[in-house]
């Protein structure tokens, strides 16, 4: 082995062979902890900046196009800062950005598919609290929606609300009085509404 190493002369002009650029770029990309932290900070910071800017320009719209654009920018910046591009930084930055964008687009679509099922379940739950939420919004007590859901105080319980039931779900005294007064005032309306909704429910064949 020692003889073989002696028989292999070093490349001329200090070149390290065809893999030198890739190895140099890889070592630069990996680097020490501080280098890795810097690269990661640039990548995440760029993604957040571009994503927020696009969202503001599009009036809060967030979709796969915006996510892919932010990922392209973060990938390109990561390539430039980490030095993985070697002697051709711009073309490599573009190709890295494209790879980042494609991966982000795929992950976004997968996540969207998973969230569809969850939204369907959530819509059924919200329908059971339609009048309850409406009442709380009218009274300016929206922050107590979670309390009603924790205690399962849905639309069917509106005509039956009591002080003890509201106390049990940790609604303070002042809001309790407002809710109880509202429930008493519209008690007959809520009963009629529940009866109408029961008629509209699909009957078992």
N, C-alpha and C. Protein backbone atom coordinates (compact mmCIF):
# COMPACT_ATOMS: atom_id res chain seq x y z
N UNK A 1 0.83 -1.20 0.00
CA UNK A 1 0.00 0.00 0.00
C UNK A 1 0.86 1.25 0.00
N UNK A 2 1.96 1.22 0.78
CA UNK A 2 2.86 2.37 0.83
C UNK A 2 3.47 2.63 -0.52
N UNK A 3 3.84 1.53 -1.26
CA UNK A 3 4.44 1.66 -2.58
C UNK A 3 3.46 2.28 -3.56
N UNK A 4 2.17 1.87 -3.49
CA UNK A 4 1.15 2.39 -4.40
C UNK A 4 0.96 3.88 -4.20
N UNK A 5 1.00 4.32 -2.93
CA UNK A 5 0.81 5.74 -2.66
C UNK A 5 1.97 6.53 -3.20
N UNK A 6 3.18 5.96 -3.15
CA UNK A 6 4.35 6.67 -3.67
C UNK A 6 4.29 6.73 -5.19
N UNK A 7 3.65 5.72 -5.84
CA UNK A 7 3.59 5.68 -7.29
C UNK A 7 2.56 6.65 -7.85
N UNK A 8 1.68 7.18 -7.01
CA UNK A 8 0.65 8.10 -7.48
C UNK A 8 1.10 9.52 -7.24
N UNK A 9 1.65 10.21 -8.24
CA UNK A 9 2.14 11.58 -8.05
C UNK A 9 0.99 12.54 -7.85
N UNK A 10 1.23 13.62 -7.14
CA UNK A 10 0.17 14.62 -6.94
C UNK A 10 -0.18 15.29 -8.24
N UNK A 11 -1.44 15.68 -8.45
CA UNK A 11 -1.87 16.32 -9.69
C UNK A 11 -1.11 17.62 -9.88
N UNK A 12 -0.90 18.03 -11.13
CA UNK A 12 -0.18 19.26 -11.41
C UNK A 12 -0.93 20.48 -10.92
N UNK A 13 -0.18 21.54 -10.62
CA UNK A 13 -0.72 22.83 -10.19
C UNK A 13 -1.54 22.71 -8.92
N UNK A 14 -1.28 21.73 -8.11
CA UNK A 14 -1.96 21.60 -6.81
C UNK A 14 -3.39 21.16 -6.92
N UNK A 15 -3.86 20.72 -8.13
CA UNK A 15 -5.24 20.28 -8.26
C UNK A 15 -5.43 18.98 -7.52
N UNK A 16 -6.63 18.75 -7.02
CA UNK A 16 -6.90 17.55 -6.23
C UNK A 16 -7.75 16.55 -6.98
N UNK A 17 -7.85 16.68 -8.29
CA UNK A 17 -8.64 15.70 -9.04
C UNK A 17 -10.03 16.20 -9.31
N UNK A 18 -10.83 15.44 -10.07
CA UNK A 18 -12.15 15.88 -10.48
C UNK A 18 -13.14 16.01 -9.35
N UNK A 19 -12.93 15.33 -8.23
CA UNK A 19 -13.87 15.39 -7.11
C UNK A 19 -13.51 16.47 -6.11
N UNK A 20 -12.48 17.22 -6.40
CA UNK A 20 -12.02 18.21 -5.42
C UNK A 20 -13.07 19.24 -5.13
N UNK A 21 -13.72 19.77 -6.21
CA UNK A 21 -14.71 20.82 -6.00
C UNK A 21 -15.86 20.33 -5.15
N UNK A 22 -16.36 19.10 -5.44
CA UNK A 22 -17.49 18.57 -4.69
C UNK A 22 -17.14 18.33 -3.25
N UNK A 23 -15.93 17.78 -3.00
CA UNK A 23 -15.51 17.52 -1.62
C UNK A 23 -15.35 18.83 -0.87
N UNK A 24 -14.78 19.85 -1.56
CA UNK A 24 -14.61 21.15 -0.91
C UNK A 24 -15.95 21.76 -0.55
N UNK A 25 -16.90 21.66 -1.52
CA UNK A 25 -18.23 22.21 -1.27
C UNK A 25 -18.92 21.49 -0.14
N UNK A 26 -18.77 20.15 -0.10
CA UNK A 26 -19.42 19.37 0.95
C UNK A 26 -18.85 19.71 2.32
N UNK A 27 -17.52 19.86 2.38
CA UNK A 27 -16.92 20.19 3.67
C UNK A 27 -17.34 21.57 4.13
N UNK A 28 -17.50 22.50 3.17
CA UNK A 28 -17.95 23.84 3.52
C UNK A 28 -19.38 23.80 4.03
N UNK A 29 -20.22 22.96 3.36
CA UNK A 29 -21.62 22.87 3.75
C UNK A 29 -21.75 22.30 5.15
N UNK A 30 -20.98 21.25 5.43
CA UNK A 30 -21.07 20.63 6.74
C UNK A 30 -20.44 21.55 7.79
N UNK A 31 -19.14 21.83 7.63
CA UNK A 31 -18.45 22.75 8.53
C UNK A 31 -18.59 22.36 9.98
N UNK A 32 -18.29 23.33 10.84
CA UNK A 32 -18.45 23.11 12.27
C UNK A 32 -19.84 23.51 12.72
N UNK A 33 -20.11 23.44 14.02
CA UNK A 33 -21.44 23.78 14.55
C UNK A 33 -21.86 25.20 14.20
N UNK A 34 -20.90 26.14 14.28
CA UNK A 34 -21.24 27.53 13.98
C UNK A 34 -21.62 27.71 12.51
N UNK A 35 -20.89 27.04 11.63
CA UNK A 35 -21.19 27.12 10.20
C UNK A 35 -22.56 26.52 9.90
N UNK A 36 -22.83 25.37 10.50
CA UNK A 36 -24.13 24.73 10.28
C UNK A 36 -25.26 25.60 10.81
N UNK A 37 -25.02 26.21 11.97
CA UNK A 37 -26.04 27.09 12.56
C UNK A 37 -26.30 28.29 11.67
N UNK A 38 -25.23 28.85 11.11
CA UNK A 38 -25.37 29.99 10.21
C UNK A 38 -26.16 29.61 8.96
N UNK A 39 -25.82 28.47 8.36
CA UNK A 39 -26.52 28.03 7.16
C UNK A 39 -27.99 27.78 7.42
N UNK A 40 -28.27 27.16 8.55
CA UNK A 40 -29.66 26.87 8.91
C UNK A 40 -30.43 28.17 9.17
N UNK A 41 -29.77 29.13 9.84
CA UNK A 41 -30.42 30.42 10.13
C UNK A 41 -30.74 31.17 8.85
N UNK A 42 -29.80 31.15 7.90
CA UNK A 42 -30.03 31.81 6.61
C UNK A 42 -31.19 31.16 5.88
N UNK A 43 -31.23 29.83 5.87
CA UNK A 43 -32.28 29.10 5.17
C UNK A 43 -33.66 29.39 5.76
N UNK A 44 -33.79 29.25 7.08
CA UNK A 44 -35.09 29.46 7.72
C UNK A 44 -35.50 30.93 7.70
N UNK A 45 -34.51 31.82 7.90
CA UNK A 45 -34.82 33.25 7.89
C UNK A 45 -35.29 33.72 6.53
N UNK A 46 -34.63 33.25 5.48
CA UNK A 46 -35.02 33.61 4.12
C UNK A 46 -36.42 33.09 3.80
N UNK A 47 -36.68 31.85 4.20
CA UNK A 47 -38.01 31.26 3.95
C UNK A 47 -39.10 32.06 4.66
N UNK A 48 -38.85 32.42 5.91
CA UNK A 48 -39.84 33.18 6.67
C UNK A 48 -40.07 34.56 6.06
N UNK A 49 -38.98 35.23 5.66
CA UNK A 49 -39.09 36.57 5.08
C UNK A 49 -39.86 36.56 3.78
N UNK A 50 -39.49 35.65 2.87
CA UNK A 50 -40.16 35.59 1.57
C UNK A 50 -41.62 35.16 1.74
N UNK A 51 -41.84 34.16 2.60
CA UNK A 51 -43.20 33.67 2.82
C UNK A 51 -44.12 34.76 3.38
N UNK A 52 -43.62 35.52 4.37
CA UNK A 52 -44.41 36.60 4.97
C UNK A 52 -44.69 37.71 3.97
N UNK A 53 -43.67 38.05 3.19
CA UNK A 53 -43.84 39.11 2.18
C UNK A 53 -44.87 38.74 1.13
N UNK A 54 -44.79 37.51 0.63
CA UNK A 54 -45.75 37.04 -0.38
C UNK A 54 -47.17 37.02 0.19
N UNK A 55 -47.28 36.57 1.44
CA UNK A 55 -48.60 36.49 2.08
C UNK A 55 -49.22 37.88 2.23
N UNK A 56 -48.39 38.88 2.59
CA UNK A 56 -48.89 40.25 2.73
C UNK A 56 -49.31 40.82 1.38
N UNK A 57 -48.49 40.58 0.36
CA UNK A 57 -48.80 41.09 -0.97
C UNK A 57 -50.07 40.47 -1.55
N UNK A 58 -50.38 39.25 -1.10
CA UNK A 58 -51.56 38.54 -1.62
C UNK A 58 -52.73 38.60 -0.65
N UNK A 59 -52.70 39.60 0.25
CA UNK A 59 -53.79 39.82 1.21
C UNK A 59 -54.08 38.60 2.09
N UNK A 60 -53.02 37.99 2.58
CA UNK A 60 -53.17 36.89 3.52
C UNK A 60 -53.37 35.52 2.92
N UNK A 61 -53.36 35.43 1.59
CA UNK A 61 -53.56 34.13 0.94
C UNK A 61 -52.30 33.28 1.09
N UNK A 62 -52.48 32.06 1.56
CA UNK A 62 -51.36 31.12 1.71
C UNK A 62 -51.68 29.84 0.96
N UNK A 63 -50.88 29.54 -0.07
CA UNK A 63 -51.12 28.34 -0.86
C UNK A 63 -49.80 27.72 -1.28
N UNK A 64 -49.90 26.70 -2.13
CA UNK A 64 -48.71 25.96 -2.52
C UNK A 64 -47.74 26.83 -3.32
N UNK A 65 -48.26 27.76 -4.11
CA UNK A 65 -47.38 28.63 -4.91
C UNK A 65 -46.50 29.50 -4.01
N UNK A 66 -47.11 30.10 -2.99
CA UNK A 66 -46.35 30.94 -2.07
C UNK A 66 -45.31 30.15 -1.31
N UNK A 67 -45.67 28.95 -0.88
CA UNK A 67 -44.74 28.09 -0.15
C UNK A 67 -43.58 27.65 -1.02
N UNK A 68 -43.87 27.34 -2.28
CA UNK A 68 -42.80 26.92 -3.19
C UNK A 68 -41.86 28.07 -3.52
N UNK A 69 -42.42 29.28 -3.65
CA UNK A 69 -41.58 30.45 -3.94
C UNK A 69 -40.64 30.74 -2.77
N UNK A 70 -41.18 30.63 -1.54
CA UNK A 70 -40.35 30.86 -0.35
C UNK A 70 -39.27 29.79 -0.23
N UNK A 71 -39.62 28.55 -0.56
CA UNK A 71 -38.65 27.46 -0.49
C UNK A 71 -37.57 27.59 -1.55
N UNK A 72 -37.96 28.08 -2.74
CA UNK A 72 -36.96 28.31 -3.79
C UNK A 72 -35.93 29.33 -3.32
N UNK A 73 -36.41 30.43 -2.73
CA UNK A 73 -35.50 31.46 -2.24
C UNK A 73 -34.59 30.97 -1.14
N UNK A 74 -35.16 30.21 -0.20
CA UNK A 74 -34.35 29.71 0.91
C UNK A 74 -33.33 28.69 0.43
N UNK A 75 -33.71 27.85 -0.54
CA UNK A 75 -32.77 26.88 -1.09
C UNK A 75 -31.63 27.54 -1.83
N UNK A 76 -31.95 28.57 -2.62
CA UNK A 76 -30.92 29.28 -3.37
C UNK A 76 -29.95 29.99 -2.42
N UNK A 77 -30.48 30.65 -1.39
CA UNK A 77 -29.61 31.33 -0.42
C UNK A 77 -28.75 30.33 0.35
N UNK A 78 -29.34 29.20 0.69
CA UNK A 78 -28.58 28.17 1.39
C UNK A 78 -27.41 27.70 0.55
N UNK A 79 -27.66 27.52 -0.75
CA UNK A 79 -26.59 27.07 -1.64
C UNK A 79 -25.47 28.10 -1.73
N UNK A 80 -25.84 29.36 -1.83
CA UNK A 80 -24.83 30.42 -1.95
C UNK A 80 -24.00 30.58 -0.68
N UNK A 81 -24.69 30.54 0.48
CA UNK A 81 -24.00 30.75 1.75
C UNK A 81 -23.14 29.54 2.13
N UNK A 82 -23.65 28.34 1.88
CA UNK A 82 -22.92 27.14 2.28
C UNK A 82 -21.77 26.81 1.35
N UNK A 83 -21.80 27.34 0.12
CA UNK A 83 -20.72 27.10 -0.81
C UNK A 83 -20.79 25.77 -1.53
N UNK A 84 -21.97 25.12 -1.54
CA UNK A 84 -22.07 23.81 -2.21
C UNK A 84 -22.00 23.95 -3.72
N UNK A 85 -22.17 25.17 -4.22
CA UNK A 85 -22.16 25.37 -5.66
C UNK A 85 -20.81 25.24 -6.30
N UNK A 86 -19.73 25.33 -5.52
CA UNK A 86 -18.40 25.20 -6.08
C UNK A 86 -18.08 26.34 -7.03
N UNK A 87 -17.49 26.03 -8.19
CA UNK A 87 -17.09 27.09 -9.13
C UNK A 87 -18.26 27.71 -9.89
N UNK A 88 -19.45 27.11 -9.82
CA UNK A 88 -20.63 27.63 -10.52
C UNK A 88 -21.75 27.93 -9.52
N UNK A 89 -21.61 28.95 -8.70
CA UNK A 89 -22.57 29.18 -7.60
C UNK A 89 -23.98 29.52 -8.07
N UNK A 90 -24.10 30.35 -9.13
CA UNK A 90 -25.44 30.80 -9.55
C UNK A 90 -26.28 29.64 -10.11
N UNK A 91 -25.77 28.87 -11.09
CA UNK A 91 -26.57 27.75 -11.61
C UNK A 91 -26.92 26.74 -10.51
N UNK A 92 -25.96 26.47 -9.62
CA UNK A 92 -26.22 25.52 -8.54
C UNK A 92 -27.23 26.07 -7.54
N UNK A 93 -27.19 27.37 -7.31
CA UNK A 93 -28.17 27.99 -6.41
C UNK A 93 -29.57 27.84 -6.98
N UNK A 94 -29.70 28.04 -8.30
CA UNK A 94 -31.01 27.90 -8.96
C UNK A 94 -31.51 26.45 -8.88
N UNK A 95 -30.61 25.50 -9.16
CA UNK A 95 -31.02 24.09 -9.13
C UNK A 95 -31.39 23.66 -7.71
N UNK A 96 -30.62 24.14 -6.71
CA UNK A 96 -30.95 23.82 -5.31
C UNK A 96 -32.29 24.42 -4.92
N UNK A 97 -32.54 25.66 -5.37
CA UNK A 97 -33.83 26.30 -5.09
C UNK A 97 -34.99 25.53 -5.69
N UNK A 98 -34.79 25.02 -6.91
CA UNK A 98 -35.84 24.24 -7.57
C UNK A 98 -36.14 22.96 -6.79
N UNK A 99 -35.08 22.29 -6.33
CA UNK A 99 -35.26 21.06 -5.54
C UNK A 99 -36.02 21.35 -4.26
N UNK A 100 -35.63 22.42 -3.55
CA UNK A 100 -36.31 22.81 -2.32
C UNK A 100 -37.79 23.10 -2.60
N UNK A 101 -38.06 23.82 -3.68
CA UNK A 101 -39.43 24.19 -4.02
C UNK A 101 -40.28 22.96 -4.32
N UNK A 102 -39.72 22.02 -5.08
CA UNK A 102 -40.46 20.80 -5.43
C UNK A 102 -40.80 19.97 -4.19
N UNK A 103 -39.80 19.83 -3.30
CA UNK A 103 -40.05 19.08 -2.07
C UNK A 103 -41.12 19.76 -1.22
N UNK A 104 -41.01 21.09 -1.08
CA UNK A 104 -41.98 21.81 -0.27
C UNK A 104 -43.38 21.71 -0.87
N UNK A 105 -43.47 21.80 -2.20
CA UNK A 105 -44.77 21.67 -2.85
C UNK A 105 -45.39 20.31 -2.61
N UNK A 106 -44.57 19.26 -2.68
CA UNK A 106 -45.08 17.91 -2.44
C UNK A 106 -45.55 17.75 -1.00
N UNK A 107 -44.74 18.23 -0.04
CA UNK A 107 -45.12 18.13 1.38
C UNK A 107 -46.38 18.93 1.68
N UNK A 108 -46.51 20.10 1.05
CA UNK A 108 -47.69 20.95 1.28
C UNK A 108 -48.96 20.24 0.80
N UNK A 109 -48.88 19.63 -0.37
CA UNK A 109 -50.06 18.94 -0.91
C UNK A 109 -50.44 17.73 -0.06
N UNK A 110 -49.41 17.00 0.41
CA UNK A 110 -49.68 15.84 1.28
C UNK A 110 -50.36 16.30 2.57
N UNK A 111 -49.83 17.37 3.16
CA UNK A 111 -50.42 17.90 4.39
C UNK A 111 -51.84 18.38 4.17
N UNK A 112 -52.09 18.96 3.00
CA UNK A 112 -53.43 19.44 2.67
C UNK A 112 -54.43 18.29 2.60
N UNK A 113 -53.99 17.18 2.02
CA UNK A 113 -54.86 16.00 1.92
C UNK A 113 -55.22 15.45 3.29
N UNK A 114 -54.22 15.43 4.19
CA UNK A 114 -54.47 14.94 5.55
C UNK A 114 -55.42 15.86 6.30
N UNK A 115 -55.28 17.17 6.06
CA UNK A 115 -56.10 18.13 6.81
C UNK A 115 -57.55 18.13 6.36
N UNK A 116 -57.83 17.62 5.15
CA UNK A 116 -59.21 17.62 4.65
C UNK A 116 -60.12 16.78 5.54
N UNK A 117 -59.61 15.59 5.93
CA UNK A 117 -60.40 14.72 6.80
C UNK A 117 -60.68 15.36 8.14
N UNK A 118 -59.66 16.05 8.69
CA UNK A 118 -59.84 16.70 9.98
C UNK A 118 -60.85 17.83 9.90
N UNK A 119 -60.83 18.58 8.77
CA UNK A 119 -61.77 19.68 8.61
C UNK A 119 -63.19 19.18 8.54
N UNK A 120 -63.38 18.00 7.92
CA UNK A 120 -64.72 17.43 7.83
C UNK A 120 -65.28 17.11 9.20
N UNK A 121 -64.44 16.55 10.07
CA UNK A 121 -64.87 16.25 11.44
C UNK A 121 -65.16 17.54 12.19
N UNK A 122 -64.32 18.56 11.99
CA UNK A 122 -64.50 19.83 12.68
C UNK A 122 -65.78 20.52 12.27
N UNK A 123 -66.17 20.39 10.97
CA UNK A 123 -67.39 21.03 10.50
C UNK A 123 -68.62 20.43 11.18
N UNK A 124 -68.59 19.11 11.40
CA UNK A 124 -69.72 18.46 12.08
C UNK A 124 -69.83 18.94 13.53
N UNK A 125 -68.68 19.12 14.18
CA UNK A 125 -68.67 19.59 15.56
C UNK A 125 -69.18 21.02 15.63
N UNK A 126 -68.73 21.89 14.71
CA UNK A 126 -69.14 23.29 14.70
C UNK A 126 -70.64 23.43 14.45
N UNK A 127 -71.21 22.54 13.65
CA UNK A 127 -72.65 22.60 13.38
C UNK A 127 -73.44 22.38 14.66
N UNK A 128 -72.92 21.58 15.55
CA UNK A 128 -73.62 21.30 16.82
C UNK A 128 -73.56 22.50 17.76
N UNK A 129 -72.68 23.46 17.48
CA UNK A 129 -72.52 24.65 18.33
C UNK A 129 -72.86 25.93 17.58
N UNK A 130 -73.65 25.81 16.50
CA UNK A 130 -73.93 26.96 15.66
C UNK A 130 -74.63 28.08 16.44
N UNK A 131 -75.76 27.75 17.09
CA UNK A 131 -76.51 28.76 17.87
C UNK A 131 -75.73 29.21 19.10
N UNK A 132 -74.99 28.29 19.69
CA UNK A 132 -74.19 28.63 20.86
C UNK A 132 -73.14 29.67 20.51
N UNK A 133 -72.42 29.44 19.42
CA UNK A 133 -71.40 30.39 18.97
C UNK A 133 -72.05 31.73 18.60
N UNK A 134 -73.21 31.64 17.96
CA UNK A 134 -73.93 32.86 17.57
C UNK A 134 -74.29 33.69 18.81
N UNK A 135 -74.74 33.02 19.86
CA UNK A 135 -75.10 33.71 21.10
C UNK A 135 -73.88 34.38 21.73
N UNK A 136 -72.77 33.65 21.80
CA UNK A 136 -71.56 34.19 22.41
C UNK A 136 -71.00 35.37 21.61
N UNK A 137 -71.11 35.30 20.29
CA UNK A 137 -70.66 36.42 19.45
C UNK A 137 -71.54 37.64 19.66
N UNK A 138 -72.84 37.42 19.81
CA UNK A 138 -73.77 38.53 20.04
C UNK A 138 -73.48 39.22 21.37
N UNK A 139 -73.13 38.44 22.36
CA UNK A 139 -72.86 38.99 23.70
C UNK A 139 -71.42 39.47 23.88
N UNK A 140 -70.58 39.26 22.86
CA UNK A 140 -69.18 39.65 22.98
C UNK A 140 -68.38 38.75 23.90
N UNK A 141 -68.78 37.48 23.95
CA UNK A 141 -68.13 36.53 24.85
C UNK A 141 -67.52 35.36 24.07
N UNK A 142 -66.95 35.67 22.92
CA UNK A 142 -66.40 34.64 22.04
C UNK A 142 -65.33 33.80 22.73
N UNK A 143 -64.59 34.42 23.65
CA UNK A 143 -63.49 33.69 24.28
C UNK A 143 -63.95 32.51 25.13
N UNK A 144 -65.25 32.41 25.38
CA UNK A 144 -65.76 31.29 26.20
C UNK A 144 -66.27 30.12 25.34
N UNK A 145 -66.01 30.18 24.03
CA UNK A 145 -66.40 29.06 23.16
C UNK A 145 -65.77 27.75 23.62
N UNK A 146 -64.49 27.84 23.99
CA UNK A 146 -63.78 26.63 24.43
C UNK A 146 -64.40 26.07 25.70
N UNK A 147 -64.85 26.95 26.59
CA UNK A 147 -65.48 26.49 27.83
C UNK A 147 -66.74 25.68 27.53
N UNK A 148 -67.54 26.18 26.58
CA UNK A 148 -68.77 25.48 26.21
C UNK A 148 -68.46 24.12 25.59
N UNK A 149 -67.41 24.06 24.79
CA UNK A 149 -67.06 22.80 24.15
C UNK A 149 -66.51 21.81 25.17
N UNK A 150 -65.73 22.31 26.12
CA UNK A 150 -65.20 21.40 27.16
C UNK A 150 -66.32 20.79 27.97
N UNK A 151 -67.36 21.59 28.24
CA UNK A 151 -68.49 21.08 29.02
C UNK A 151 -69.57 20.45 28.17
N UNK A 152 -69.33 20.37 26.83
CA UNK A 152 -70.30 19.81 25.88
C UNK A 152 -71.65 20.53 25.98
N UNK A 153 -71.59 21.84 26.18
CA UNK A 153 -72.80 22.66 26.21
C UNK A 153 -73.09 23.14 24.80
N UNK A 154 -73.74 22.29 24.02
CA UNK A 154 -74.01 22.57 22.61
C UNK A 154 -75.37 23.23 22.45
N UNK A 155 -75.85 23.33 21.20
CA UNK A 155 -77.13 23.98 20.93
C UNK A 155 -78.29 23.29 21.66
N UNK A 156 -78.20 21.98 21.80
CA UNK A 156 -79.31 21.24 22.44
C UNK A 156 -79.45 21.60 23.92
N UNK A 157 -78.41 22.15 24.53
CA UNK A 157 -78.48 22.48 25.95
C UNK A 157 -78.83 23.95 26.20
N UNK A 158 -78.93 24.76 25.15
CA UNK A 158 -79.20 26.19 25.34
C UNK A 158 -80.48 26.47 26.15
N UNK A 159 -81.60 25.78 25.85
CA UNK A 159 -82.81 26.05 26.64
C UNK A 159 -82.70 25.53 28.09
N UNK A 160 -81.67 24.73 28.38
CA UNK A 160 -81.55 24.10 29.69
C UNK A 160 -80.44 24.71 30.55
N UNK A 161 -79.78 25.75 30.04
CA UNK A 161 -78.62 26.31 30.75
C UNK A 161 -78.98 26.78 32.16
N UNK A 162 -78.08 26.46 33.09
CA UNK A 162 -78.24 26.90 34.48
C UNK A 162 -76.95 27.54 34.96
N UNK A 163 -77.05 28.25 36.06
CA UNK A 163 -75.87 28.91 36.63
C UNK A 163 -74.80 27.90 37.02
N UNK A 164 -75.24 26.77 37.59
CA UNK A 164 -74.27 25.76 38.03
C UNK A 164 -73.55 25.13 36.85
N UNK A 165 -74.27 24.93 35.73
CA UNK A 165 -73.65 24.34 34.54
C UNK A 165 -72.56 25.26 33.99
N UNK A 166 -72.85 26.56 33.96
CA UNK A 166 -71.86 27.53 33.46
C UNK A 166 -70.70 27.68 34.44
N UNK A 167 -71.00 27.60 35.73
CA UNK A 167 -69.94 27.68 36.74
C UNK A 167 -69.00 26.49 36.62
N UNK A 168 -69.56 25.34 36.27
CA UNK A 168 -68.76 24.12 36.17
C UNK A 168 -67.75 24.19 35.04
N UNK A 169 -68.07 24.95 33.98
CA UNK A 169 -67.13 25.09 32.87
C UNK A 169 -66.29 26.37 33.02
N UNK A 170 -66.29 26.93 34.22
CA UNK A 170 -65.42 28.07 34.57
C UNK A 170 -65.74 29.35 33.81
N UNK A 171 -67.04 29.61 33.62
CA UNK A 171 -67.46 30.91 33.08
C UNK A 171 -67.69 31.84 34.27
N UNK A 172 -67.04 33.02 34.32
CA UNK A 172 -67.17 33.93 35.47
C UNK A 172 -68.61 34.42 35.67
N UNK A 173 -68.84 35.00 36.83
CA UNK A 173 -70.19 35.40 37.24
C UNK A 173 -70.84 36.39 36.28
N UNK A 174 -70.10 37.43 35.89
CA UNK A 174 -70.68 38.44 34.98
C UNK A 174 -71.15 37.86 33.67
N UNK A 175 -70.28 37.17 32.94
CA UNK A 175 -70.71 36.53 31.70
C UNK A 175 -71.83 35.51 31.91
N UNK A 176 -71.81 34.82 33.06
CA UNK A 176 -72.87 33.84 33.34
C UNK A 176 -74.24 34.53 33.35
N UNK A 177 -74.32 35.69 34.00
CA UNK A 177 -75.59 36.42 34.09
C UNK A 177 -76.08 36.83 32.69
N UNK A 178 -75.17 37.31 31.87
CA UNK A 178 -75.54 37.72 30.51
C UNK A 178 -76.04 36.53 29.69
N UNK A 179 -75.33 35.41 29.80
CA UNK A 179 -75.70 34.21 29.05
C UNK A 179 -77.05 33.67 29.50
N UNK A 180 -77.25 33.61 30.80
CA UNK A 180 -78.51 33.08 31.33
C UNK A 180 -79.69 33.98 30.95
N UNK A 181 -79.48 35.29 30.99
CA UNK A 181 -80.55 36.22 30.60
C UNK A 181 -80.90 36.04 29.13
N UNK A 182 -79.88 35.90 28.30
CA UNK A 182 -80.10 35.69 26.87
C UNK A 182 -80.82 34.36 26.63
N UNK A 183 -80.38 33.31 27.31
CA UNK A 183 -80.98 31.98 27.12
C UNK A 183 -82.45 31.98 27.56
N UNK A 184 -82.76 32.69 28.64
CA UNK A 184 -84.17 32.77 29.08
C UNK A 184 -85.02 33.54 28.08
N UNK A 185 -84.47 34.65 27.57
CA UNK A 185 -85.21 35.49 26.63
C UNK A 185 -85.56 34.74 25.35
N UNK A 186 -84.61 33.94 24.87
CA UNK A 186 -84.80 33.24 23.59
C UNK A 186 -85.04 31.75 23.76
N UNK A 187 -85.51 31.35 24.93
CA UNK A 187 -85.69 29.93 25.23
C UNK A 187 -86.64 29.27 24.24
N UNK A 188 -87.79 29.89 24.00
CA UNK A 188 -88.77 29.30 23.08
C UNK A 188 -88.22 29.24 21.66
N UNK A 189 -87.48 30.28 21.27
CA UNK A 189 -86.90 30.29 19.93
C UNK A 189 -85.93 29.13 19.75
N UNK A 190 -85.09 28.89 20.76
CA UNK A 190 -84.12 27.80 20.67
C UNK A 190 -84.81 26.44 20.61
N UNK A 191 -85.91 26.30 21.36
CA UNK A 191 -86.66 25.04 21.32
C UNK A 191 -87.24 24.79 19.93
N UNK A 192 -87.83 25.84 19.35
CA UNK A 192 -88.41 25.70 18.02
C UNK A 192 -87.33 25.40 16.97
N UNK A 193 -86.19 26.06 17.14
CA UNK A 193 -85.09 25.85 16.20
C UNK A 193 -84.59 24.40 16.26
N UNK A 194 -84.48 23.88 17.47
CA UNK A 194 -84.04 22.50 17.63
C UNK A 194 -85.05 21.52 17.03
N UNK A 195 -86.35 21.83 17.16
CA UNK A 195 -87.39 20.97 16.61
C UNK A 195 -87.31 20.97 15.08
N UNK A 196 -87.09 22.14 14.49
CA UNK A 196 -86.98 22.23 13.03
C UNK A 196 -85.76 21.46 12.53
N UNK A 197 -84.66 21.59 13.24
CA UNK A 197 -83.43 20.90 12.83
C UNK A 197 -83.58 19.38 12.98
N UNK A 198 -84.33 18.96 13.97
CA UNK A 198 -84.56 17.52 14.16
C UNK A 198 -85.38 16.95 13.00
N UNK A 199 -86.34 17.73 12.47
CA UNK A 199 -87.16 17.28 11.35
C UNK A 199 -86.30 17.13 10.08
N UNK A 200 -85.29 18.01 9.96
CA UNK A 200 -84.45 18.00 8.76
C UNK A 200 -83.39 16.89 8.78
N UNK A 201 -83.20 16.26 9.92
CA UNK A 201 -82.21 15.20 10.01
C UNK A 201 -82.63 14.00 9.15
N UNK A 202 -81.70 13.35 8.46
CA UNK A 202 -82.06 12.20 7.62
C UNK A 202 -82.57 11.03 8.48
N UNK A 203 -83.67 10.44 8.04
CA UNK A 203 -84.26 9.33 8.78
C UNK A 203 -83.66 8.00 8.31
N UNK A 204 -83.50 7.08 9.23
CA UNK A 204 -82.97 5.77 8.89
C UNK A 204 -83.96 5.02 8.00
N UNK A 205 -83.42 4.38 6.98
CA UNK A 205 -84.27 3.62 6.05
C UNK A 205 -84.72 2.31 6.70
